[in-house]
């Protein structure tokens, strides 16, 4: 479902893929996030690190009545506090998405799919 923003000039519709791409870029700018992960369809095996143009594939977006819910599949840096990184990601993305779309962010879930050592 697309998000809709109405004004006296007309209506703006925002697709879930646009929100996912923006959210992916916001997420990887957070400290401790190495990148977005492509989760295997079977749910088993290693998660694949996505390239920048494919960040939207590591995020599920659901828009219901101008409220956005996001599920992030991420790879975190080795040696960081997963809880601190996840909370930072949630706060940062919630603010940036609400500013970008004008819609309320109802829920953000973070699924850590892997850990990588950063040089």
C-alpha atoms as a PDB file:
ATOM      1  CA  UNK A   1       0.000   0.000   0.000  1.00  0.00           C
ATOM      2  CA  UNK A   2       1.246   3.489  -0.779  1.00  0.00           C
ATOM      3  CA  UNK A   3       1.345   6.244   1.785  1.00  0.00           C
ATOM      4  CA  UNK A   4      -0.858   9.234   0.996  1.00  0.00           C
ATOM      5  CA  UNK A   5      -0.363  12.822   2.064  1.00  0.00           C
ATOM      6  CA  UNK A   6      -3.175  15.227   1.241  1.00  0.00           C
ATOM      7  CA  UNK A   7      -3.012  18.984   1.029  1.00  0.00           C
ATOM      8  CA  UNK A   8      -5.171  21.697  -0.442  1.00  0.00           C
ATOM      9  CA  UNK A   9      -3.119  21.382  -3.674  1.00  0.00           C
ATOM     10  CA  UNK A  10      -3.782  17.672  -4.115  1.00  0.00           C
ATOM     11  CA  UNK A  11      -2.407  14.328  -3.006  1.00  0.00           C
ATOM     12  CA  UNK A  12       1.099  12.870  -2.802  1.00  0.00           C
ATOM     13  CA  UNK A  13       1.598   9.101  -2.841  1.00  0.00           C
ATOM     14  CA  UNK A  14       4.812   7.530  -1.541  1.00  0.00           C
ATOM     15  CA  UNK A  15       5.641   3.937  -2.480  1.00  0.00           C
ATOM     16  CA  UNK A  16       6.979   1.425   0.013  1.00  0.00           C
ATOM     17  CA  UNK A  17      10.119   0.954  -2.099  1.00  0.00           C
ATOM     18  CA  UNK A  18      10.960   4.668  -1.875  1.00  0.00           C
ATOM     19  CA  UNK A  19      10.580   4.548   1.913  1.00  0.00           C
ATOM     20  CA  UNK A  20      12.716   1.380   2.043  1.00  0.00           C
ATOM     21  CA  UNK A  21      15.510   2.912  -0.048  1.00  0.00           C
ATOM     22  CA  UNK A  22      15.603   6.059   2.083  1.00  0.00           C
ATOM     23  CA  UNK A  23      15.466   4.019   5.305  1.00  0.00           C
ATOM     24  CA  UNK A  24      18.321   1.795   4.094  1.00  0.00           C
ATOM     25  CA  UNK A  25      20.559   4.783   3.446  1.00  0.00           C
ATOM     26  CA  UNK A  26      19.625   6.220   6.849  1.00  0.00           C
ATOM     27  CA  UNK A  27      20.397   2.897   8.548  1.00  0.00           C
ATOM     28  CA  UNK A  28      23.864   2.372   7.089  1.00  0.00           C
ATOM     29  CA  UNK A  29      24.870   5.873   8.182  1.00  0.00           C
ATOM     30  CA  UNK A  30      24.367   4.762  11.812  1.00  0.00           C
ATOM     31  CA  UNK A  31      27.420   3.796  13.870  1.00  0.00           C
ATOM     32  CA  UNK A  32      27.944   0.041  14.078  1.00  0.00           C
ATOM     33  CA  UNK A  33      25.897  -0.893  11.007  1.00  0.00           C
ATOM     34  CA  UNK A  34      28.067  -2.531   8.343  1.00  0.00           C
ATOM     35  CA  UNK A  35      25.221  -2.860   5.852  1.00  0.00           C
ATOM     36  CA  UNK A  36      21.861  -4.291   4.968  1.00  0.00           C
ATOM     37  CA  UNK A  37      21.429  -8.050   4.652  1.00  0.00           C
ATOM     38  CA  UNK A  38      19.597 -10.107   2.071  1.00  0.00           C
ATOM     39  CA  UNK A  39      18.046 -12.963   3.960  1.00  0.00           C
ATOM     40  CA  UNK A  40      17.946 -16.331   2.159  1.00  0.00           C
ATOM     41  CA  UNK A  41      14.394 -17.367   1.222  1.00  0.00           C
ATOM     42  CA  UNK A  42      14.738 -20.614   3.171  1.00  0.00           C
ATOM     43  CA  UNK A  43      15.626 -18.630   6.302  1.00  0.00           C
ATOM     44  CA  UNK A  44      18.736 -20.776   6.731  1.00  0.00           C
ATOM     45  CA  UNK A  45      22.296 -20.039   5.742  1.00  0.00           C
ATOM     46  CA  UNK A  46      24.431 -16.945   5.627  1.00  0.00           C
ATOM     47  CA  UNK A  47      23.008 -13.520   5.030  1.00  0.00           C
ATOM     48  CA  UNK A  48      24.420 -11.671   2.027  1.00  0.00           C
ATOM     49  CA  UNK A  49      25.637  -8.084   2.346  1.00  0.00           C
ATOM     50  CA  UNK A  50      23.693  -5.877  -0.071  1.00  0.00           C
ATOM     51  CA  UNK A  51      25.144  -3.129  -2.257  1.00  0.00           C
ATOM     52  CA  UNK A  52      23.851   0.422  -1.871  1.00  0.00           C
ATOM     53  CA  UNK A  53      21.438   0.219  -4.809  1.00  0.00           C
ATOM     54  CA  UNK A  54      19.804  -2.854  -3.238  1.00  0.00           C
ATOM     55  CA  UNK A  55      19.343  -1.656   0.372  1.00  0.00           C
ATOM     56  CA  UNK A  56      15.574  -1.745  -0.063  1.00  0.00           C
ATOM     57  CA  UNK A  57      15.750  -5.557  -0.325  1.00  0.00           C
ATOM     58  CA  UNK A  58      16.897  -5.762   3.305  1.00  0.00           C
ATOM     59  CA  UNK A  59      13.918  -3.797   4.607  1.00  0.00           C
ATOM     60  CA  UNK A  60      10.235  -4.657   4.812  1.00  0.00           C
ATOM     61  CA  UNK A  61       7.925  -1.644   4.780  1.00  0.00           C
ATOM     62  CA  UNK A  62       4.251  -1.677   5.652  1.00  0.00           C
ATOM     63  CA  UNK A  63       2.152   1.470   5.314  1.00  0.00           C
ATOM     64  CA  UNK A  64      -1.304   1.481   6.861  1.00  0.00           C
ATOM     65  CA  UNK A  65      -3.276   4.693   7.006  1.00  0.00           C
ATOM     66  CA  UNK A  66      -0.262   7.057   7.051  1.00  0.00           C
ATOM     67  CA  UNK A  67       1.631   4.996   9.647  1.00  0.00           C
ATOM     68  CA  UNK A  68       4.810   3.203   8.663  1.00  0.00           C
ATOM     69  CA  UNK A  69       6.196  -0.035  10.107  1.00  0.00           C
ATOM     70  CA  UNK A  70       9.729  -1.116   9.196  1.00  0.00           C
ATOM     71  CA  UNK A  71      11.670  -4.378   9.575  1.00  0.00           C
ATOM     72  CA  UNK A  72      15.441  -4.053   9.103  1.00  0.00           C
ATOM     73  CA  UNK A  73      17.753  -6.986   8.363  1.00  0.00           C
ATOM     74  CA  UNK A  74      21.246  -5.716   9.163  1.00  0.00           C
ATOM     75  CA  UNK A  75      24.834  -6.790   9.580  1.00  0.00           C
ATOM     76  CA  UNK A  76      26.598  -5.167  12.532  1.00  0.00           C
ATOM     77  CA  UNK A  77      30.258  -4.491  13.229  1.00  0.00           C
ATOM     78  CA  UNK A  78      32.149  -6.926  15.439  1.00  0.00           C
ATOM     79  CA  UNK A  79      32.722  -5.689  18.987  1.00  0.00           C
ATOM     80  CA  UNK A  80      29.871  -3.191  19.257  1.00  0.00           C
ATOM     81  CA  UNK A  81      26.902  -3.360  21.598  1.00  0.00           C
ATOM     82  CA  UNK A  82      24.068  -4.748  19.486  1.00  0.00           C
ATOM     83  CA  UNK A  83      21.496  -3.183  21.801  1.00  0.00           C
ATOM     84  CA  UNK A  84      23.092   0.282  21.541  1.00  0.00           C
ATOM     85  CA  UNK A  85      23.444   0.026  17.758  1.00  0.00           C
ATOM     86  CA  UNK A  86      19.821  -1.126  17.352  1.00  0.00           C
ATOM     87  CA  UNK A  87      18.469   1.656  19.585  1.00  0.00           C
ATOM     88  CA  UNK A  88      20.520   4.247  17.697  1.00  0.00           C
ATOM     89  CA  UNK A  89      19.249   2.899  14.371  1.00  0.00           C
ATOM     90  CA  UNK A  90      15.633   3.000  15.594  1.00  0.00           C
ATOM     91  CA  UNK A  91      15.865   6.591  16.867  1.00  0.00           C
ATOM     92  CA  UNK A  92      17.733   7.895  13.836  1.00  0.00           C
ATOM     93  CA  UNK A  93      15.513   6.180  11.265  1.00  0.00           C
ATOM     94  CA  UNK A  94      12.287   7.106  13.096  1.00  0.00           C
ATOM     95  CA  UNK A  95      13.263  10.790  13.014  1.00  0.00           C
ATOM     96  CA  UNK A  96      14.549  10.805   9.431  1.00  0.00           C
ATOM     97  CA  UNK A  97      11.602   8.862   7.971  1.00  0.00           C
ATOM     98  CA  UNK A  98       9.011  11.010   9.750  1.00  0.00           C
ATOM     99  CA  UNK A  99      10.776  14.166   8.491  1.00  0.00           C
ATOM    100  CA  UNK A 100      11.106  12.759   4.950  1.00  0.00           C
ATOM    101  CA  UNK A 101       7.531  11.500   4.554  1.00  0.00           C
ATOM    102  CA  UNK A 102       5.490  13.533   7.019  1.00  0.00           C
ATOM    103  CA  UNK A 103       4.013  10.266   8.296  1.00  0.00           C
ATOM    104  CA  UNK A 104       4.230   8.664  11.732  1.00  0.00           C
ATOM    105  CA  UNK A 105       6.582   5.724  12.223  1.00  0.00           C
ATOM    106  CA  UNK A 106       4.585   3.216  14.238  1.00  0.00           C
ATOM    107  CA  UNK A 107       7.128   0.426  14.690  1.00  0.00           C
ATOM    108  CA  UNK A 108      10.723  -0.480  13.835  1.00  0.00           C
ATOM    109  CA  UNK A 109      12.069  -4.012  14.236  1.00  0.00           C
ATOM    110  CA  UNK A 110      15.785  -4.793  13.832  1.00  0.00           C
ATOM    111  CA  UNK A 111      16.944  -8.298  12.920  1.00  0.00           C
ATOM    112  CA  UNK A 112      20.696  -8.820  13.193  1.00  0.00           C
ATOM    113  CA  UNK A 113      21.573 -11.304  10.454  1.00  0.00           C
ATOM    114  CA  UNK A 114      25.341 -11.262  10.815  1.00  0.00           C
ATOM    115  CA  UNK A 115      28.489  -9.752  12.315  1.00  0.00           C
ATOM    116  CA  UNK A 116      31.480  -8.524  10.332  1.00  0.00           C
ATOM    117  CA  UNK A 117      34.942  -7.319  11.286  1.00  0.00           C
ATOM    118  CA  UNK A 118      35.620  -3.840   9.916  1.00  0.00           C
ATOM    119  CA  UNK A 119      39.141  -2.852   8.853  1.00  0.00           C
END
